[in-house]
Amino acid sequence: SPAGMVLSVLVILLLSVLYEAVKMGKAMLLRRALLALPRSLSHEALTEPQEGEHSDPTQGSPSLMAFPISFPRWFWFHVGQTLFHVLQVVLGYMVMLAVMSYNAWIFLGAIAGSTLGYFM
């Protein structure tokens, strides 16, 4: 039906926009992760807390007492990048699967969504 086709094209367009947004979010997170890395990449600098941080992770909020292991900031940025990458791969494969239906309107929706997502 025509309404179903329009809805399908809009969904693919939005998936393509979301793919581009995730790609940009991943790049911004990479920039923040690089800024969070210590200037010295020695093993001690990567495992020890930075200046101004508490050496005892159990001090402070009670939520930290339940999880006594303290991870450096760059580690959490890396976890975020990993989740963004998984989301980007899933969205990319979904858009590719839709384009492989060989429907011209779906293809144009994917192209328009990528264009619009990159422009935003």
N, C-alpha and C. Protein backbone atom coordinates (compact mmCIF):
# COMPACT_ATOMS: atom_id res chain seq x y z
N SER A 1 0.84 -1.18 0.00
CA SER A 1 0.00 0.00 0.00
C SER A 1 0.88 1.25 0.00
N PRO A 2 0.40 2.33 -0.53
CA PRO A 2 1.20 3.57 -0.60
C PRO A 2 1.57 4.10 0.80
N ALA A 3 0.64 4.00 1.76
CA ALA A 3 0.94 4.49 3.11
C ALA A 3 2.06 3.66 3.75
N GLY A 4 2.04 2.36 3.53
CA GLY A 4 3.08 1.49 4.05
C GLY A 4 4.44 1.80 3.45
N MET A 5 4.44 2.11 2.14
CA MET A 5 5.70 2.45 1.48
C MET A 5 6.26 3.77 2.01
N VAL A 6 5.40 4.76 2.20
CA VAL A 6 5.84 6.05 2.73
C VAL A 6 6.39 5.87 4.14
N LEU A 7 5.71 5.07 4.94
CA LEU A 7 6.18 4.81 6.30
C LEU A 7 7.54 4.09 6.27
N SER A 8 7.70 3.14 5.38
CA SER A 8 8.97 2.42 5.26
C SER A 8 10.11 3.36 4.87
N VAL A 9 9.85 4.23 3.92
CA VAL A 9 10.88 5.18 3.48
C VAL A 9 11.23 6.13 4.63
N LEU A 10 10.24 6.58 5.38
CA LEU A 10 10.52 7.47 6.52
C LEU A 10 11.32 6.76 7.61
N VAL A 11 11.02 5.50 7.86
CA VAL A 11 11.76 4.75 8.87
C VAL A 11 13.22 4.59 8.44
N ILE A 12 13.45 4.27 7.18
CA ILE A 12 14.81 4.12 6.67
C ILE A 12 15.52 5.46 6.69
N LEU A 13 14.83 6.53 6.36
CA LEU A 13 15.41 7.87 6.41
C LEU A 13 15.85 8.19 7.84
N LEU A 14 14.99 7.90 8.82
CA LEU A 14 15.34 8.17 10.22
C LEU A 14 16.48 7.28 10.71
N LEU A 15 16.51 6.03 10.28
CA LEU A 15 17.62 5.14 10.64
C LEU A 15 18.95 5.66 10.08
N SER A 16 18.90 6.19 8.86
CA SER A 16 20.12 6.74 8.26
C SER A 16 20.58 8.00 8.98
N VAL A 17 19.63 8.83 9.39
CA VAL A 17 19.98 10.03 10.16
C VAL A 17 20.58 9.61 11.50
N LEU A 18 19.99 8.62 12.15
CA LEU A 18 20.50 8.14 13.42
C LEU A 18 21.89 7.53 13.26
N TYR A 19 22.13 6.84 12.17
CA TYR A 19 23.45 6.27 11.90
C TYR A 19 24.50 7.38 11.85
N GLU A 20 24.19 8.45 11.12
CA GLU A 20 25.13 9.57 11.02
C GLU A 20 25.32 10.26 12.37
N ALA A 21 24.25 10.37 13.16
CA ALA A 21 24.36 10.99 14.48
C ALA A 21 25.25 10.15 15.40
N VAL A 22 25.10 8.84 15.35
CA VAL A 22 25.93 7.96 16.16
C VAL A 22 27.38 8.06 15.72
N LYS A 23 27.61 8.17 14.42
CA LYS A 23 28.97 8.30 13.91
C LYS A 23 29.62 9.58 14.43
N MET A 24 28.88 10.67 14.45
CA MET A 24 29.42 11.93 14.97
C MET A 24 29.61 11.87 16.48
N GLY A 25 28.68 11.22 17.18
CA GLY A 25 28.82 11.07 18.63
C GLY A 25 30.05 10.25 18.99
N LYS A 26 30.32 9.24 18.19
CA LYS A 26 31.50 8.41 18.41
C LYS A 26 32.78 9.22 18.22
N ALA A 27 32.79 10.10 17.23
CA ALA A 27 33.97 10.94 16.99
C ALA A 27 34.16 11.95 18.13
N MET A 28 33.06 12.51 18.64
CA MET A 28 33.17 13.45 19.76
C MET A 28 33.66 12.72 21.01
N LEU A 29 33.20 11.51 21.23
CA LEU A 29 33.64 10.74 22.38
C LEU A 29 35.11 10.37 22.27
N LEU A 30 35.58 10.11 21.06
CA LEU A 30 37.00 9.82 20.85
C LEU A 30 37.84 11.04 21.22
N ARG A 31 37.39 12.21 20.83
CA ARG A 31 38.13 13.44 21.16
C ARG A 31 38.20 13.62 22.68
N ARG A 32 37.08 13.38 23.38
CA ARG A 32 37.09 13.51 24.84
C ARG A 32 37.97 12.44 25.48
N ALA A 33 37.97 11.25 24.91
CA ALA A 33 38.81 10.18 25.46
C ALA A 33 40.28 10.52 25.31
N LEU A 34 40.65 11.10 24.19
CA LEU A 34 42.04 11.47 23.99
C LEU A 34 42.46 12.58 24.94
N LEU A 35 41.54 13.49 25.25
CA LEU A 35 41.85 14.54 26.22
C LEU A 35 41.94 13.98 27.64
N ALA A 36 41.25 12.88 27.92
CA ALA A 36 41.26 12.29 29.26
C ALA A 36 42.50 11.44 29.50
N LEU A 37 43.22 11.08 28.45
CA LEU A 37 44.42 10.28 28.64
C LEU A 37 45.48 11.11 29.36
N PRO A 38 46.26 10.47 30.24
CA PRO A 38 47.34 11.22 30.89
C PRO A 38 48.42 11.58 29.88
N ARG A 39 49.16 12.63 30.20
CA ARG A 39 50.22 13.06 29.27
C ARG A 39 51.29 11.99 29.13
N SER A 40 51.60 11.31 30.21
CA SER A 40 52.57 10.24 30.17
C SER A 40 51.82 8.92 30.02
N LEU A 41 52.20 8.12 29.06
CA LEU A 41 51.51 6.86 28.82
C LEU A 41 52.23 5.69 29.49
N SER A 42 52.91 5.96 30.59
CA SER A 42 53.55 4.88 31.32
C SER A 42 52.47 4.04 32.02
N HIS A 43 52.83 2.85 32.40
CA HIS A 43 51.87 1.95 33.06
C HIS A 43 51.36 2.56 34.36
N GLU A 44 52.24 3.23 35.11
CA GLU A 44 51.84 3.83 36.38
C GLU A 44 50.84 4.95 36.16
N ALA A 45 51.03 5.76 35.13
CA ALA A 45 50.12 6.88 34.88
C ALA A 45 48.75 6.40 34.44
N LEU A 46 48.69 5.25 33.78
CA LEU A 46 47.40 4.73 33.33
C LEU A 46 46.64 4.03 34.45
N THR A 47 47.35 3.50 35.44
CA THR A 47 46.66 2.75 36.48
C THR A 47 46.44 3.54 37.76
N GLU A 48 47.26 4.56 38.03
CA GLU A 48 47.11 5.34 39.25
C GLU A 48 46.11 6.47 39.01
N PRO A 49 45.42 6.90 40.07
CA PRO A 49 44.48 8.02 39.92
C PRO A 49 45.23 9.31 39.60
N GLN A 50 44.55 10.22 38.92
CA GLN A 50 45.14 11.50 38.54
C GLN A 50 45.22 12.41 39.76
N GLU A 51 45.91 13.53 39.59
CA GLU A 51 46.04 14.51 40.66
C GLU A 51 44.66 15.02 41.03
N GLY A 52 44.45 15.22 42.32
CA GLY A 52 43.17 15.74 42.78
C GLY A 52 42.13 14.66 43.02
N GLU A 53 42.36 13.45 42.58
CA GLU A 53 41.41 12.36 42.81
C GLU A 53 41.77 11.68 44.12
N HIS A 54 40.81 11.07 44.78
CA HIS A 54 41.05 10.36 46.02
C HIS A 54 41.78 9.07 45.72
N SER A 55 42.73 8.73 46.61
CA SER A 55 43.44 7.48 46.40
C SER A 55 42.62 6.29 46.89
N ASP A 56 41.66 6.53 47.77
CA ASP A 56 40.81 5.45 48.27
C ASP A 56 39.46 5.54 47.59
N PRO A 57 39.10 4.59 46.72
CA PRO A 57 37.84 4.69 45.98
C PRO A 57 36.62 4.51 46.87
N THR A 58 36.79 3.99 48.12
CA THR A 58 35.62 3.80 48.97
C THR A 58 35.22 5.07 49.70
N GLN A 59 36.05 6.11 49.65
CA GLN A 59 35.67 7.37 50.28
C GLN A 59 34.70 8.10 49.38
N GLY A 60 33.84 8.89 49.97
CA GLY A 60 32.91 9.66 49.16
C GLY A 60 31.53 9.06 49.18
N SER A 61 30.95 8.87 48.03
CA SER A 61 29.55 8.44 47.96
C SER A 61 29.42 6.96 48.32
N PRO A 62 28.27 6.58 48.90
CA PRO A 62 28.07 5.18 49.27
C PRO A 62 27.94 4.25 48.08
N SER A 63 27.60 4.78 46.90
CA SER A 63 27.47 3.91 45.73
C SER A 63 28.83 3.36 45.31
N LEU A 64 29.91 4.12 45.61
CA LEU A 64 31.23 3.62 45.25
C LEU A 64 31.68 2.50 46.17
N MET A 65 31.13 2.43 47.37
CA MET A 65 31.53 1.37 48.29
C MET A 65 31.07 0.00 47.81
N ALA A 66 29.98 -0.04 47.08
CA ALA A 66 29.49 -1.31 46.56
C ALA A 66 30.36 -1.80 45.40
N PHE A 67 31.05 -0.89 44.75
CA PHE A 67 31.90 -1.23 43.61
C PHE A 67 33.29 -0.66 43.88
N PRO A 68 34.14 -1.40 44.61
CA PRO A 68 35.38 -0.83 45.12
C PRO A 68 36.46 -0.58 44.08
N ILE A 69 36.35 -1.11 42.90
CA ILE A 69 37.39 -0.95 41.90
C ILE A 69 37.20 0.39 41.20
N SER A 70 38.27 1.16 41.14
CA SER A 70 38.21 2.48 40.50
C SER A 70 38.87 2.39 39.12
N PHE A 71 38.12 2.74 38.11
CA PHE A 71 38.67 2.74 36.75
C PHE A 71 38.97 4.18 36.35
N PRO A 72 40.03 4.39 35.58
CA PRO A 72 40.34 5.74 35.12
C PRO A 72 39.28 6.25 34.15
N ARG A 73 39.24 7.57 34.00
CA ARG A 73 38.25 8.19 33.12
C ARG A 73 38.34 7.69 31.69
N TRP A 74 39.55 7.51 31.17
CA TRP A 74 39.69 7.09 29.78
C TRP A 74 39.07 5.72 29.54
N PHE A 75 39.03 4.87 30.59
CA PHE A 75 38.43 3.55 30.44
C PHE A 75 36.93 3.68 30.17
N TRP A 76 36.25 4.57 30.90
CA TRP A 76 34.81 4.75 30.70
C TRP A 76 34.51 5.36 29.34
N PHE A 77 35.40 6.23 28.86
CA PHE A 77 35.23 6.75 27.50
C PHE A 77 35.37 5.62 26.49
N HIS A 78 36.28 4.70 26.75
CA HIS A 78 36.47 3.56 25.84
C HIS A 78 35.24 2.65 25.84
N VAL A 79 34.64 2.44 27.01
CA VAL A 79 33.40 1.65 27.09
C VAL A 79 32.30 2.35 26.29
N GLY A 80 32.19 3.66 26.43
CA GLY A 80 31.19 4.42 25.65
C GLY A 80 31.43 4.30 24.16
N GLN A 81 32.69 4.40 23.75
CA GLN A 81 33.02 4.25 22.32
C GLN A 81 32.63 2.87 21.82
N THR A 82 32.85 1.85 22.63
CA THR A 82 32.50 0.49 22.24
C THR A 82 31.00 0.36 22.02
N LEU A 83 30.21 0.92 22.95
CA LEU A 83 28.75 0.86 22.81
C LEU A 83 28.28 1.64 21.58
N PHE A 84 28.88 2.80 21.34
CA PHE A 84 28.54 3.57 20.14
C PHE A 84 28.90 2.78 18.88
N HIS A 85 30.03 2.07 18.90
CA HIS A 85 30.44 1.30 17.73
C HIS A 85 29.45 0.16 17.45
N VAL A 86 29.02 -0.53 18.50
CA VAL A 86 28.05 -1.62 18.32
C VAL A 86 26.75 -1.06 17.73
N LEU A 87 26.28 0.06 18.27
CA LEU A 87 25.06 0.68 17.76
C LEU A 87 25.23 1.10 16.31
N GLN A 88 26.39 1.65 15.96
CA GLN A 88 26.65 2.07 14.58
C GLN A 88 26.65 0.87 13.63
N VAL A 89 27.25 -0.23 14.04
CA VAL A 89 27.29 -1.43 13.19
C VAL A 89 25.88 -1.98 12.99
N VAL A 90 25.10 -2.05 14.06
CA VAL A 90 23.73 -2.58 13.96
C VAL A 90 22.90 -1.70 13.03
N LEU A 91 22.97 -0.38 13.21
CA LEU A 91 22.20 0.52 12.34
C LEU A 91 22.66 0.42 10.89
N GLY A 92 23.97 0.32 10.69
CA GLY A 92 24.49 0.20 9.33
C GLY A 92 23.99 -1.05 8.62
N TYR A 93 23.99 -2.16 9.34
CA TYR A 93 23.50 -3.40 8.74
C TYR A 93 22.00 -3.36 8.49
N MET A 94 21.26 -2.68 9.37
CA MET A 94 19.82 -2.56 9.14
C MET A 94 19.52 -1.74 7.88
N VAL A 95 20.24 -0.64 7.71
CA VAL A 95 20.05 0.19 6.52
C VAL A 95 20.49 -0.58 5.28
N MET A 96 21.60 -1.31 5.38
CA MET A 96 22.08 -2.09 4.24
C MET A 96 21.07 -3.17 3.86
N LEU A 97 20.49 -3.83 4.86
CA LEU A 97 19.49 -4.85 4.59
C LEU A 97 18.27 -4.26 3.89
N ALA A 98 17.87 -3.06 4.30
CA ALA A 98 16.73 -2.41 3.66
C ALA A 98 17.06 -2.03 2.22
N VAL A 99 18.27 -1.54 1.99
CA VAL A 99 18.67 -1.16 0.63
C VAL A 99 18.75 -2.39 -0.26
N MET A 100 19.12 -3.53 0.32
CA MET A 100 19.24 -4.75 -0.47
C MET A 100 17.88 -5.31 -0.90
N SER A 101 16.81 -4.64 -0.53
CA SER A 101 15.49 -5.03 -1.04
C SER A 101 15.33 -4.60 -2.50
N TYR A 102 16.29 -3.83 -3.00
CA TYR A 102 16.30 -3.35 -4.38
C TYR A 102 15.08 -2.51 -4.72
N ASN A 103 14.59 -1.77 -3.73
CA ASN A 103 13.49 -0.85 -3.95
C ASN A 103 14.09 0.55 -4.10
N ALA A 104 13.79 1.21 -5.19
CA ALA A 104 14.38 2.53 -5.47
C ALA A 104 13.99 3.56 -4.41
N TRP A 105 12.75 3.52 -3.94
CA TRP A 105 12.31 4.49 -2.94
C TRP A 105 13.03 4.30 -1.62
N ILE A 106 13.22 3.04 -1.22
CA ILE A 106 13.96 2.75 0.01
C ILE A 106 15.40 3.23 -0.15
N PHE A 107 15.99 2.99 -1.30
CA PHE A 107 17.36 3.44 -1.57
C PHE A 107 17.45 4.95 -1.48
N LEU A 108 16.51 5.65 -2.08
CA LEU A 108 16.52 7.12 -2.03
C LEU A 108 16.30 7.62 -0.60
N GLY A 109 15.48 6.91 0.18
CA GLY A 109 15.29 7.27 1.58
C GLY A 109 16.58 7.13 2.38
N ALA A 110 17.35 6.07 2.11
CA ALA A 110 18.62 5.87 2.80
C ALA A 110 19.63 6.95 2.41
N ILE A 111 19.66 7.31 1.14
CA ILE A 111 20.58 8.36 0.67
C ILE A 111 20.17 9.71 1.26
N ALA A 112 18.88 10.01 1.25
CA ALA A 112 18.40 11.28 1.80
C ALA A 112 18.66 11.34 3.30
N GLY A 113 18.46 10.25 4.01
CA GLY A 113 18.73 10.22 5.44
C GLY A 113 20.21 10.41 5.76
N SER A 114 21.08 9.79 4.99
CA SER A 114 22.51 9.97 5.20
C SER A 114 22.93 11.42 4.94
N THR A 115 22.38 11.97 3.89
CA THR A 115 22.69 13.36 3.54
C THR A 115 22.21 14.30 4.64
N LEU A 116 20.97 14.12 5.06
CA LEU A 116 20.40 14.97 6.10
C LEU A 116 21.13 14.79 7.43
N GLY A 117 21.47 13.55 7.79
CA GLY A 117 22.20 13.30 9.03
C GLY A 117 23.58 13.90 9.03
N TYR A 118 24.28 13.85 7.90
CA TYR A 118 25.61 14.44 7.81
C TYR A 118 25.53 15.96 7.86
N PHE A 119 24.49 16.51 7.23
CA PHE A 119 24.32 17.97 7.20
C PHE A 119 24.04 18.51 8.59
N MET A 120 23.27 17.76 9.39
CA MET A 120 22.91 18.21 10.73
C MET A 120 24.12 18.13 11.61
